[in-house]
Every structure is written in C-alpha cells, then in structure tokens.
C-alpha cells in the first residue's frame, strides 16, 4: 500500500517540478493530488504519463492524504500547514514559514535525516532554502 500525496501549489514552478520528481522517484505512491488556489481548479498538470486536475485548497479533504508537499508560499503555509497536519498528513514545507520554529525540524536528508522524528510536535517538516541546502551538504 503506497502513500497518498498532495502537492499544494501544484501549478507553480516548484510545484510542477515536485510532481516531476515524485513521478520519477522510487517512493511507493498510490495516489497523487494536485492542489492549488480556486482559480486553478480543473487546470491540468502533468504527473509522469498522467494528467491531474487541480483541486481547490479551500475545499480539499486532506484527511485522505499521508504526505503533503507544500509549495505555495509562506503566508499560505502558515495558514494551512497546521490544518493539514491536524487532518493527519505530514506536511513538508518548502517556504520560509516554519524554518525558525523550534517545534518544526529543519531537515536536509543528506545531513540530518534523523531530525525528521521531530515532526510529531506539529506534523510539519521544514527545509532550508536551496542555496543553504547545497552549502550544508558540502
């Protein structure tokens, strides 16, 4: 049984790249949901050989999701990540919203993968910005 994954911000540049990388990964995924703002509802995004129709962030049921990859900006993440985590999904946030929160682990898997365990405090995992990730890996 694979993971159910939602990509919030699926129509943005980072969101579409997340969909591409997820499709190419070895992660056992059973279902993927493209989630975005109301104005993107119904818009199609690519996931491997499939097209996904975007769902509305405001009405999407995150209770059906195991993992939520959040790439919709800091304000959206601050407002929605706690709600999504409360629904039962682990949120992996790509914005700056949670990077300084002492109850949210800041993780670069190649460096401190064991810190992921700290997600249980809020159900959220943060990652540093792209240049910081490259620096700490080196």
Protein backbone atom coordinates (compact mmCIF):
# COMPACT_ATOMS: atom_id res chain seq x y z
CA UNK A 1 0.00 0.00 0.00
CA UNK A 2 1.60 3.24 -1.15
CA UNK A 3 1.44 6.77 0.16
CA UNK A 4 -1.23 9.25 -0.77
CA UNK A 5 0.49 12.56 -1.60
CA UNK A 6 -0.86 16.08 -2.16
CA UNK A 7 1.17 18.82 -3.78
CA UNK A 8 -0.10 22.24 -2.63
CA UNK A 9 0.99 24.85 -5.13
CA UNK A 10 0.91 22.30 -7.95
CA UNK A 11 0.55 24.90 -10.70
CA UNK A 12 3.63 26.91 -9.71
CA UNK A 13 7.17 26.31 -10.95
CA UNK A 14 8.27 24.47 -7.82
CA UNK A 15 5.03 22.52 -7.57
CA UNK A 16 5.30 21.25 -11.14
CA UNK A 17 8.92 20.27 -10.50
CA UNK A 18 7.83 18.41 -7.34
CA UNK A 19 5.32 16.46 -9.45
CA UNK A 20 8.03 15.58 -11.98
CA UNK A 21 10.50 14.42 -9.32
CA UNK A 22 7.82 12.49 -7.43
CA UNK A 23 6.83 10.68 -10.65
CA UNK A 24 10.47 9.71 -11.23
CA UNK A 25 11.16 8.68 -7.63
CA UNK A 26 11.12 5.24 -6.06
CA UNK A 27 8.65 6.35 -3.38
CA UNK A 28 5.72 3.96 -3.20
CA UNK A 29 2.88 6.30 -4.16
CA UNK A 30 -0.69 5.08 -4.52
CA UNK A 31 -2.38 8.40 -5.28
CA UNK A 32 -1.34 11.98 -6.05
CA UNK A 33 -3.46 15.10 -5.75
CA UNK A 34 -2.65 18.43 -7.36
CA UNK A 35 -3.95 21.19 -5.07
CA UNK A 36 -3.95 24.90 -5.79
CA UNK A 37 -5.98 28.08 -5.41
CA UNK A 38 -9.59 28.29 -6.53
CA UNK A 39 -8.60 29.99 -9.79
CA UNK A 40 -6.64 26.87 -10.80
CA UNK A 41 -9.42 24.35 -10.11
CA UNK A 42 -9.72 21.98 -13.05
CA UNK A 43 -6.43 23.05 -14.59
CA UNK A 44 -4.40 20.01 -15.65
CA UNK A 45 -0.83 19.39 -14.54
CA UNK A 46 1.49 16.57 -15.57
CA UNK A 47 2.39 13.71 -13.27
CA UNK A 48 4.50 11.21 -15.17
CA UNK A 49 2.37 9.97 -18.06
CA UNK A 50 -0.82 11.19 -16.42
CA UNK A 51 -2.64 14.49 -16.18
CA UNK A 52 -4.07 15.54 -12.82
CA UNK A 53 -6.89 18.04 -12.44
CA UNK A 54 -6.21 20.61 -9.74
CA UNK A 55 -8.33 20.54 -6.62
CA UNK A 56 -9.27 23.59 -4.57
CA UNK A 57 -7.15 24.16 -1.45
CA UNK A 58 -10.17 25.63 0.36
CA UNK A 59 -12.33 22.50 -0.02
CA UNK A 60 -9.87 19.63 -0.45
CA UNK A 61 -10.12 16.83 2.15
CA UNK A 62 -6.58 16.41 3.49
CA UNK A 63 -7.81 13.53 5.66
CA UNK A 64 -7.18 11.25 2.65
CA UNK A 65 -3.51 12.25 2.40
CA UNK A 66 -0.42 10.80 4.08
CA UNK A 67 2.08 13.41 2.89
CA UNK A 68 1.57 17.00 1.78
CA UNK A 69 4.36 18.73 -0.12
CA UNK A 70 3.71 22.44 0.46
CA UNK A 71 4.99 24.91 -2.11
CA UNK A 72 2.51 27.76 -2.10
CA UNK A 73 4.47 30.44 -0.23
CA UNK A 74 4.91 31.38 3.40
CA UNK A 75 1.53 33.00 4.03
CA UNK A 76 -0.39 30.03 2.64
CA UNK A 77 1.82 27.63 4.56
CA UNK A 78 1.34 29.49 7.85
CA UNK A 79 -2.43 29.43 7.37
CA UNK A 80 -2.83 25.89 6.03
CA UNK A 81 0.00 23.64 7.24
CA UNK A 82 -1.39 23.30 10.80
CA UNK A 83 -4.86 22.48 9.41
CA UNK A 84 -3.43 19.91 7.01
CA UNK A 85 -1.33 18.32 9.77
CA UNK A 86 -4.37 18.24 12.05
CA UNK A 87 -6.21 16.31 9.31
CA UNK A 88 -3.49 13.64 9.56
CA UNK A 89 -0.98 14.43 6.81
CA UNK A 90 2.71 15.09 7.39
CA UNK A 91 3.46 18.47 5.83
CA UNK A 92 6.84 19.03 4.20
CA UNK A 93 7.08 22.77 3.69
CA UNK A 94 9.28 24.42 1.10
CA UNK A 95 8.68 28.02 2.21
CA UNK A 96 10.41 30.06 4.90
CA UNK A 97 7.31 29.94 7.13
CA UNK A 98 8.47 27.25 9.58
CA UNK A 99 12.27 27.37 9.31
CA UNK A 100 12.79 29.16 12.62
CA UNK A 101 10.05 27.42 14.60
CA UNK A 102 11.72 25.42 17.41
CA UNK A 103 8.96 22.78 17.22
CA UNK A 104 9.44 22.14 13.49
CA UNK A 105 12.51 20.18 12.38
CA UNK A 106 14.62 21.86 9.69
CA UNK A 107 15.82 18.92 7.63
CA UNK A 108 18.33 18.28 4.87
CA UNK A 109 18.11 14.47 4.49
CA UNK A 110 21.77 14.06 3.50
CA UNK A 111 22.84 15.91 6.66
CA UNK A 112 20.34 15.38 9.49
CA UNK A 113 17.71 12.87 8.38
CA UNK A 114 17.25 11.74 11.99
CA UNK A 115 15.76 15.17 12.80
CA UNK A 116 12.62 14.16 10.88
CA UNK A 117 11.41 12.44 14.06
CA UNK A 118 10.71 15.90 15.48
CA UNK A 119 7.79 16.34 13.10
CA UNK A 120 5.46 14.81 15.68
CA UNK A 121 5.28 18.10 17.61
CA UNK A 122 3.37 19.95 14.85
CA UNK A 123 3.15 17.48 11.96
CA UNK A 124 5.35 19.76 9.87
CA UNK A 125 8.88 19.40 8.47
CA UNK A 126 10.72 22.43 7.06
CA UNK A 127 13.63 22.58 4.66
CA UNK A 128 16.17 25.37 4.24
CA UNK A 129 16.38 27.43 1.07
CA UNK A 130 18.11 25.99 -1.97
CA UNK A 131 21.50 27.69 -1.51
CA UNK A 132 21.67 26.69 2.16
CA UNK A 133 20.91 23.06 1.30
CA UNK A 134 23.82 22.96 -1.15
CA UNK A 135 26.16 24.56 1.37
CA UNK A 136 25.36 22.23 4.28
CA UNK A 137 25.58 19.13 2.09
CA UNK A 138 29.09 20.16 1.05
